[in-house]
């Protein structure tokens, strides 16, 4: 899902749902130049999960959730 709030200042939250048990899930944040800002293992179990994003410098970022090779990418703005 889309992070909320967006744009954000300080913290933002991403909620995602996995329909069936997955082998792996990786959450990655990149800047507009494609540089990786952070990568973390995400919960790959069936159900709804939340990831909290911390402080980021003002700018535009993209976050991706890779679940068993299926990647979803969204845009977020830090103020």
PDB file of N, CA and C in Angstrom:
ATOM      1  N   UNK A   1       0.814  -1.197   0.000  1.00  0.00           N
ATOM      2  CA  UNK A   1       0.000   0.000   0.000  1.00  0.00           C
ATOM      3  C   UNK A   1       0.854   1.256   0.000  1.00  0.00           C
ATOM      4  N   UNK A   2       0.203   2.364  -0.136  1.00  0.00           N
ATOM      5  CA  UNK A   2       0.884   3.659  -0.117  1.00  0.00           C
ATOM      6  C   UNK A   2       1.215   4.040   1.324  1.00  0.00           C
ATOM      7  N   UNK A   3       2.376   4.661   1.516  1.00  0.00           N
ATOM      8  CA  UNK A   3       2.738   5.103   2.866  1.00  0.00           C
ATOM      9  C   UNK A   3       1.810   6.225   3.319  1.00  0.00           C
ATOM     10  N   UNK A   4       1.587   6.317   4.620  1.00  0.00           N
ATOM     11  CA  UNK A   4       0.778   7.399   5.194  1.00  0.00           C
ATOM     12  C   UNK A   4       1.494   7.955   6.406  1.00  0.00           C
ATOM     13  N   UNK A   5       1.512   9.226   6.639  1.00  0.00           N
ATOM     14  CA  UNK A   5       1.087  10.231   5.664  1.00  0.00           C
ATOM     15  C   UNK A   5       2.106  10.355   4.538  1.00  0.00           C
ATOM     16  N   UNK A   6       1.690  10.950   3.455  1.00  0.00           N
ATOM     17  CA  UNK A   6       2.575  11.206   2.314  1.00  0.00           C
ATOM     18  C   UNK A   6       2.113  12.494   1.652  1.00  0.00           C
ATOM     19  N   UNK A   7       2.897  13.557   1.683  1.00  0.00           N
ATOM     20  CA  UNK A   7       4.255  13.682   2.201  1.00  0.00           C
ATOM     21  C   UNK A   7       4.293  13.554   3.734  1.00  0.00           C
ATOM     22  N   UNK A   8       5.499  13.259   4.243  1.00  0.00           N
ATOM     23  CA  UNK A   8       5.653  13.098   5.688  1.00  0.00           C
ATOM     24  C   UNK A   8       6.872  13.839   6.203  1.00  0.00           C
ATOM     25  N   UNK A   9       6.827  14.105   7.502  1.00  0.00           N
ATOM     26  CA  UNK A   9       7.930  14.749   8.202  1.00  0.00           C
ATOM     27  C   UNK A   9       8.145  13.946   9.473  1.00  0.00           C
ATOM     28  N   UNK A  10       9.267  13.243   9.566  1.00  0.00           N
ATOM     29  CA  UNK A  10       9.516  12.407  10.738  1.00  0.00           C
ATOM     30  C   UNK A  10       9.268  10.948  10.428  1.00  0.00           C
ATOM     31  N   UNK A  11       8.037  10.477  10.667  1.00  0.00           N
ATOM     32  CA  UNK A  11       7.732   9.076  10.449  1.00  0.00           C
ATOM     33  C   UNK A  11       6.567   8.887   9.496  1.00  0.00           C
ATOM     34  N   UNK A  12       6.577   7.750   8.825  1.00  0.00           N
ATOM     35  CA  UNK A  12       5.489   7.359   7.943  1.00  0.00           C
ATOM     36  C   UNK A  12       5.339   5.850   8.061  1.00  0.00           C
ATOM     37  N   UNK A  13       4.188   5.335   7.700  1.00  0.00           N
ATOM     38  CA  UNK A  13       3.909   3.911   7.843  1.00  0.00           C
ATOM     39  C   UNK A  13       3.459   3.316   6.515  1.00  0.00           C
ATOM     40  N   UNK A  14       3.971   2.129   6.211  1.00  0.00           N
ATOM     41  CA  UNK A  14       3.544   1.370   5.041  1.00  0.00           C
ATOM     42  C   UNK A  14       2.867   0.105   5.546  1.00  0.00           C
ATOM     43  N   UNK A  15       1.646  -0.130   5.093  1.00  0.00           N
ATOM     44  CA  UNK A  15       0.922  -1.348   5.437  1.00  0.00           C
ATOM     45  C   UNK A  15       0.805  -2.197   4.178  1.00  0.00           C
ATOM     46  N   UNK A  16       1.101  -3.478   4.317  1.00  0.00           N
ATOM     47  CA  UNK A  16       0.998  -4.382   3.170  1.00  0.00           C
ATOM     48  C   UNK A  16       0.365  -5.701   3.611  1.00  0.00           C
ATOM     49  N   UNK A  17      -0.247  -6.385   2.644  1.00  0.00           N
ATOM     50  CA  UNK A  17      -0.909  -7.655   2.924  1.00  0.00           C
ATOM     51  C   UNK A  17      -0.340  -8.739   2.015  1.00  0.00           C
ATOM     52  N   UNK A  18      -0.040  -9.879   2.603  1.00  0.00           N
ATOM     53  CA  UNK A  18       0.418 -11.040   1.852  1.00  0.00           C
ATOM     54  C   UNK A  18      -0.705 -12.071   1.899  1.00  0.00           C
ATOM     55  N   UNK A  19      -1.160 -12.488   0.713  1.00  0.00           N
ATOM     56  CA  UNK A  19      -2.306 -13.396   0.606  1.00  0.00           C
ATOM     57  C   UNK A  19      -1.989 -14.832   0.992  1.00  0.00           C
ATOM     58  N   UNK A  20      -0.752 -15.263   0.724  1.00  0.00           N
ATOM     59  CA  UNK A  20      -0.358 -16.626   1.078  1.00  0.00           C
ATOM     60  C   UNK A  20       1.063 -16.606   1.607  1.00  0.00           C
ATOM     61  N   UNK A  21       1.412 -17.617   2.372  1.00  0.00           N
ATOM     62  CA  UNK A  21       2.740 -17.715   2.966  1.00  0.00           C
ATOM     63  C   UNK A  21       3.813 -17.541   1.893  1.00  0.00           C
ATOM     64  N   UNK A  22       4.776 -16.668   2.143  1.00  0.00           N
ATOM     65  CA  UNK A  22       5.852 -16.403   1.191  1.00  0.00           C
ATOM     66  C   UNK A  22       7.176 -16.909   1.756  1.00  0.00           C
ATOM     67  N   UNK A  23       8.135 -17.155   0.875  1.00  0.00           N
ATOM     68  CA  UNK A  23       9.455 -17.598   1.292  1.00  0.00           C
ATOM     69  C   UNK A  23      10.281 -16.433   1.805  1.00  0.00           C
ATOM     70  N   UNK A  24      10.178 -15.269   1.108  1.00  0.00           N
ATOM     71  CA  UNK A  24      10.957 -14.101   1.517  1.00  0.00           C
ATOM     72  C   UNK A  24      10.246 -12.810   1.142  1.00  0.00           C
ATOM     73  N   UNK A  25      10.542 -11.783   1.917  1.00  0.00           N
ATOM     74  CA  UNK A  25      10.030 -10.438   1.640  1.00  0.00           C
ATOM     75  C   UNK A  25      11.123  -9.449   2.032  1.00  0.00           C
ATOM     76  N   UNK A  26      11.451  -8.543   1.099  1.00  0.00           N
ATOM     77  CA  UNK A  26      12.500  -7.551   1.341  1.00  0.00           C
ATOM     78  C   UNK A  26      11.940  -6.170   1.009  1.00  0.00           C
ATOM     79  N   UNK A  27      12.136  -5.222   1.927  1.00  0.00           N
ATOM     80  CA  UNK A  27      11.659  -3.850   1.775  1.00  0.00           C
ATOM     81  C   UNK A  27      12.873  -2.956   1.534  1.00  0.00           C
ATOM     82  N   UNK A  28      12.874  -2.221   0.412  1.00  0.00           N
ATOM     83  CA  UNK A  28      14.013  -1.385   0.041  1.00  0.00           C
ATOM     84  C   UNK A  28      13.559   0.041  -0.239  1.00  0.00           C
ATOM     85  N   UNK A  29      14.319   1.015   0.265  1.00  0.00           N
ATOM     86  CA  UNK A  29      14.072   2.432  -0.016  1.00  0.00           C
ATOM     87  C   UNK A  29      15.230   2.946  -0.857  1.00  0.00           C
ATOM     88  N   UNK A  30      14.901   3.621  -1.980  1.00  0.00           N
ATOM     89  CA  UNK A  30      15.922   4.214  -2.834  1.00  0.00           C
ATOM     90  C   UNK A  30      15.626   5.694  -3.049  1.00  0.00           C
ATOM     91  N   UNK A  31      16.675   6.459  -3.390  1.00  0.00           N
ATOM     92  CA  UNK A  31      16.461   7.865  -3.717  1.00  0.00           C
ATOM     93  C   UNK A  31      16.152   7.981  -5.207  1.00  0.00           C
ATOM     94  N   UNK A  32      15.940   9.197  -5.688  1.00  0.00           N
ATOM     95  CA  UNK A  32      15.563   9.384  -7.096  1.00  0.00           C
ATOM     96  C   UNK A  32      16.683   9.001  -8.063  1.00  0.00           C
ATOM     97  N   UNK A  33      17.907   8.919  -7.570  1.00  0.00           N
ATOM     98  CA  UNK A  33      19.037   8.515  -8.412  1.00  0.00           C
ATOM     99  C   UNK A  33      19.208   6.997  -8.427  1.00  0.00           C
ATOM    100  N   UNK A  34      18.374   6.290  -7.673  1.00  0.00           N
ATOM    101  CA  UNK A  34      18.447   4.833  -7.634  1.00  0.00           C
ATOM    102  C   UNK A  34      19.388   4.281  -6.579  1.00  0.00           C
ATOM    103  N   UNK A  35      19.964   5.154  -5.753  1.00  0.00           N
ATOM    104  CA  UNK A  35      20.853   4.695  -4.684  1.00  0.00           C
ATOM    105  C   UNK A  35      20.026   4.090  -3.560  1.00  0.00           C
ATOM    106  N   UNK A  36      20.468   2.943  -3.057  1.00  0.00           N
ATOM    107  CA  UNK A  36      19.757   2.273  -1.974  1.00  0.00           C
ATOM    108  C   UNK A  36      20.015   3.016  -0.666  1.00  0.00           C
ATOM    109  N   UNK A  37      18.931   3.439  -0.020  1.00  0.00           N
ATOM    110  CA  UNK A  37      19.013   4.142   1.262  1.00  0.00           C
ATOM    111  C   UNK A  37      18.939   3.138   2.410  1.00  0.00           C
ATOM    112  N   UNK A  38      18.044   2.159   2.280  1.00  0.00           N
ATOM    113  CA  UNK A  38      17.922   1.124   3.300  1.00  0.00           C
ATOM    114  C   UNK A  38      17.296  -0.129   2.698  1.00  0.00           C
ATOM    115  N   UNK A  39      17.658  -1.258   3.284  1.00  0.00           N
ATOM    116  CA  UNK A  39      17.087  -2.546   2.903  1.00  0.00           C
ATOM    117  C   UNK A  39      16.865  -3.329   4.187  1.00  0.00           C
ATOM    118  N   UNK A  40      15.706  -3.948   4.304  1.00  0.00           N
ATOM    119  CA  UNK A  40      15.435  -4.759   5.485  1.00  0.00           C
ATOM    120  C   UNK A  40      14.538  -5.930   5.123  1.00  0.00           C
ATOM    121  N   UNK A  41      14.712  -7.013   5.863  1.00  0.00           N
ATOM    122  CA  UNK A  41      13.815  -8.144   5.687  1.00  0.00           C
ATOM    123  C   UNK A  41      12.453  -7.732   6.234  1.00  0.00           C
ATOM    124  N   UNK A  42      11.415  -8.117   5.524  1.00  0.00           N
ATOM    125  CA  UNK A  42      10.052  -7.819   5.960  1.00  0.00           C
ATOM    126  C   UNK A  42       9.366  -9.135   6.314  1.00  0.00           C
ATOM    127  N   UNK A  43       8.277  -9.036   7.031  1.00  0.00           N
ATOM    128  CA  UNK A  43       7.525 -10.213   7.428  1.00  0.00           C
ATOM    129  C   UNK A  43       6.911 -10.862   6.187  1.00  0.00           C
ATOM    130  N   UNK A  44       7.216 -12.132   5.963  1.00  0.00           N
ATOM    131  CA  UNK A  44       6.743 -12.834   4.771  1.00  0.00           C
ATOM    132  C   UNK A  44       5.570 -13.772   5.062  1.00  0.00           C
ATOM    133  N   UNK A  45       5.062 -13.718   6.292  1.00  0.00           N
ATOM    134  CA  UNK A  45       3.953 -14.603   6.630  1.00  0.00           C
ATOM    135  C   UNK A  45       2.632 -14.053   6.092  1.00  0.00           C
ATOM    136  N   UNK A  46       1.664 -14.934   5.929  1.00  0.00           N
ATOM    137  CA  UNK A  46       0.343 -14.542   5.433  1.00  0.00           C
ATOM    138  C   UNK A  46      -0.295 -13.568   6.418  1.00  0.00           C
ATOM    139  N   UNK A  47      -0.907 -12.496   5.889  1.00  0.00           N
ATOM    140  CA  UNK A  47      -1.593 -11.518   6.733  1.00  0.00           C
ATOM    141  C   UNK A  47      -1.200 -10.095   6.397  1.00  0.00           C
ATOM    142  N   UNK A  48      -1.611  -9.167   7.253  1.00  0.00           N
ATOM    143  CA  UNK A  48      -1.333  -7.741   7.078  1.00  0.00           C
ATOM    144  C   UNK A  48      -0.207  -7.332   8.013  1.00  0.00           C
ATOM    145  N   UNK A  49       0.739  -6.563   7.478  1.00  0.00           N
ATOM    146  CA  UNK A  49       1.934  -6.166   8.227  1.00  0.00           C
ATOM    147  C   UNK A  49       2.193  -4.671   8.048  1.00  0.00           C
ATOM    148  N   UNK A  50       2.983  -4.111   8.962  1.00  0.00           N
ATOM    149  CA  UNK A  50       3.297  -2.682   8.921  1.00  0.00           C
ATOM    150  C   UNK A  50       4.800  -2.471   9.011  1.00  0.00           C
ATOM    151  N   UNK A  51       5.296  -1.535   8.217  1.00  0.00           N
ATOM    152  CA  UNK A  51       6.694  -1.107   8.285  1.00  0.00           C
ATOM    153  C   UNK A  51       6.684   0.382   8.603  1.00  0.00           C
ATOM    154  N   UNK A  52       7.467   0.784   9.602  1.00  0.00           N
ATOM    155  CA  UNK A  52       7.566   2.192   9.964  1.00  0.00           C
ATOM    156  C   UNK A  52       8.833   2.775   9.366  1.00  0.00           C
ATOM    157  N   UNK A  53       8.659   3.866   8.632  1.00  0.00           N
ATOM    158  CA  UNK A  53       9.793   4.558   8.013  1.00  0.00           C
ATOM    159  C   UNK A  53      10.255   5.653   8.951  1.00  0.00           C
ATOM    160  N   UNK A  54      11.562   5.747   9.163  1.00  0.00           N
ATOM    161  CA  UNK A  54      12.116   6.747  10.053  1.00  0.00           C
ATOM    162  C   UNK A  54      12.399   8.060   9.356  1.00  0.00           C
ATOM    163  N   UNK A  55      13.258   8.844   9.969  1.00  0.00           N
ATOM    164  CA  UNK A  55      13.607  10.150   9.412  1.00  0.00           C
ATOM    165  C   UNK A  55      14.385  10.011   8.115  1.00  0.00           C
ATOM    166  N   UNK A  56      13.950  10.744   7.121  1.00  0.00           N
ATOM    167  CA  UNK A  56      14.657  10.835   5.845  1.00  0.00           C
ATOM    168  C   UNK A  56      14.852  12.316   5.549  1.00  0.00           C
ATOM    169  N   UNK A  57      15.950  12.648   4.895  1.00  0.00           N
ATOM    170  CA  UNK A  57      16.162  14.021   4.452  1.00  0.00           C
ATOM    171  C   UNK A  57      15.054  14.389   3.476  1.00  0.00           C
ATOM    172  N   UNK A  58      14.746  15.681   3.402  1.00  0.00           N
ATOM    173  CA  UNK A  58      13.690  16.127   2.488  1.00  0.00           C
ATOM    174  C   UNK A  58      14.019  15.683   1.073  1.00  0.00           C
ATOM    175  N   UNK A  59      13.015  15.147   0.388  1.00  0.00           N
ATOM    176  CA  UNK A  59      13.206  14.715  -0.985  1.00  0.00           C
ATOM    177  C   UNK A  59      12.198  13.667  -1.396  1.00  0.00           C
ATOM    178  N   UNK A  60      12.383  13.188  -2.607  1.00  0.00           N
ATOM    179  CA  UNK A  60      11.511  12.159  -3.175  1.00  0.00           C
ATOM    180  C   UNK A  60      12.235  10.822  -3.088  1.00  0.00           C
ATOM    181  N   UNK A  61      11.526   9.798  -2.656  1.00  0.00           N
ATOM    182  CA  UNK A  61      12.071   8.454  -2.515  1.00  0.00           C
ATOM    183  C   UNK A  61      11.103   7.453  -3.133  1.00  0.00           C
ATOM    184  N   UNK A  62      11.632   6.274  -3.396  1.00  0.00           N
ATOM    185  CA  UNK A  62      10.812   5.159  -3.858  1.00  0.00           C
ATOM    186  C   UNK A  62      11.029   4.004  -2.902  1.00  0.00           C
ATOM    187  N   UNK A  63       9.973   3.306  -2.574  1.00  0.00           N
ATOM    188  CA  UNK A  63      10.137   2.107  -1.764  1.00  0.00           C
ATOM    189  C   UNK A  63       9.566   0.926  -2.521  1.00  0.00           C
ATOM    190  N   UNK A  64      10.223  -0.214  -2.355  1.00  0.00           N
ATOM    191  CA  UNK A  64       9.833  -1.433  -3.054  1.00  0.00           C
ATOM    192  C   UNK A  64       9.689  -2.567  -2.061  1.00  0.00           C
ATOM    193  N   UNK A  65       8.674  -3.378  -2.277  1.00  0.00           N
ATOM    194  CA  UNK A  65       8.493  -4.593  -1.504  1.00  0.00           C
ATOM    195  C   UNK A  65       8.613  -5.757  -2.475  1.00  0.00           C
ATOM    196  N   UNK A  66       9.609  -6.594  -2.250  1.00  0.00           N
ATOM    197  CA  UNK A  66       9.866  -7.759  -3.098  1.00  0.00           C
ATOM    198  C   UNK A  66       9.433  -8.992  -2.320  1.00  0.00           C
ATOM    199  N   UNK A  67       8.342  -9.608  -2.750  1.00  0.00           N
ATOM    200  CA  UNK A  67       7.832 -10.817  -2.115  1.00  0.00           C
ATOM    201  C   UNK A  67       7.981 -11.961  -3.106  1.00  0.00           C
ATOM    202  N   UNK A  68       8.893 -12.864  -2.801  1.00  0.00           N
ATOM    203  CA  UNK A  68       9.167 -14.021  -3.671  1.00  0.00           C
ATOM    204  C   UNK A  68       9.345 -13.624  -5.134  1.00  0.00           C
ATOM    205  N   UNK A  69      10.055 -12.525  -5.373  1.00  0.00           N
ATOM    206  CA  UNK A  69      10.363 -12.092  -6.734  1.00  0.00           C
ATOM    207  C   UNK A  69       9.345 -11.159  -7.361  1.00  0.00           C
ATOM    208  N   UNK A  70       8.195 -10.980  -6.727  1.00  0.00           N
ATOM    209  CA  UNK A  70       7.193 -10.026  -7.237  1.00  0.00           C
ATOM    210  C   UNK A  70       7.425  -8.688  -6.532  1.00  0.00           C
ATOM    211  N   UNK A  71       7.728  -7.659  -7.322  1.00  0.00           N
ATOM    212  CA  UNK A  71       8.107  -6.362  -6.769  1.00  0.00           C
ATOM    213  C   UNK A  71       7.006  -5.327  -6.986  1.00  0.00           C
ATOM    214  N   UNK A  72       6.679  -4.622  -5.912  1.00  0.00           N
ATOM    215  CA  UNK A  72       5.749  -3.486  -5.976  1.00  0.00           C
ATOM    216  C   UNK A  72       6.508  -2.257  -5.515  1.00  0.00           C
ATOM    217  N   UNK A  73       6.440  -1.180  -6.300  1.00  0.00           N
ATOM    218  CA  UNK A  73       7.178   0.044  -5.984  1.00  0.00           C
ATOM    219  C   UNK A  73       6.215   1.224  -5.895  1.00  0.00           C
ATOM    220  N   UNK A  74       6.430   2.066  -4.879  1.00  0.00           N
ATOM    221  CA  UNK A  74       5.610   3.271  -4.679  1.00  0.00           C
ATOM    222  C   UNK A  74       6.536   4.463  -4.427  1.00  0.00           C
ATOM    223  N   UNK A  75       5.999   5.659  -4.632  1.00  0.00           N
ATOM    224  CA  UNK A  75       6.747   6.897  -4.444  1.00  0.00           C
ATOM    225  C   UNK A  75       6.323   7.541  -3.134  1.00  0.00           C
ATOM    226  N   UNK A  76       7.287   8.142  -2.430  1.00  0.00           N
ATOM    227  CA  UNK A  76       6.972   8.880  -1.206  1.00  0.00           C
ATOM    228  C   UNK A  76       7.783  10.162  -1.163  1.00  0.00           C
ATOM    229  N   UNK A  77       7.282  11.126  -0.411  1.00  0.00           N
ATOM    230  CA  UNK A  77       7.936  12.434  -0.300  1.00  0.00           C
ATOM    231  C   UNK A  77       8.177  12.742   1.166  1.00  0.00           C
ATOM    232  N   UNK A  78       9.432  13.036   1.497  1.00  0.00           N
ATOM    233  CA  UNK A  78       9.806  13.464   2.847  1.00  0.00           C
ATOM    234  C   UNK A  78       9.962  14.979   2.824  1.00  0.00           C
ATOM    235  N   UNK A  79       9.399  15.636   3.822  1.00  0.00           N
ATOM    236  CA  UNK A  79       9.491  17.099   3.890  1.00  0.00           C
ATOM    237  C   UNK A  79      10.539  17.530   4.892  1.00  0.00           C
TER     238      UNK A  79
END
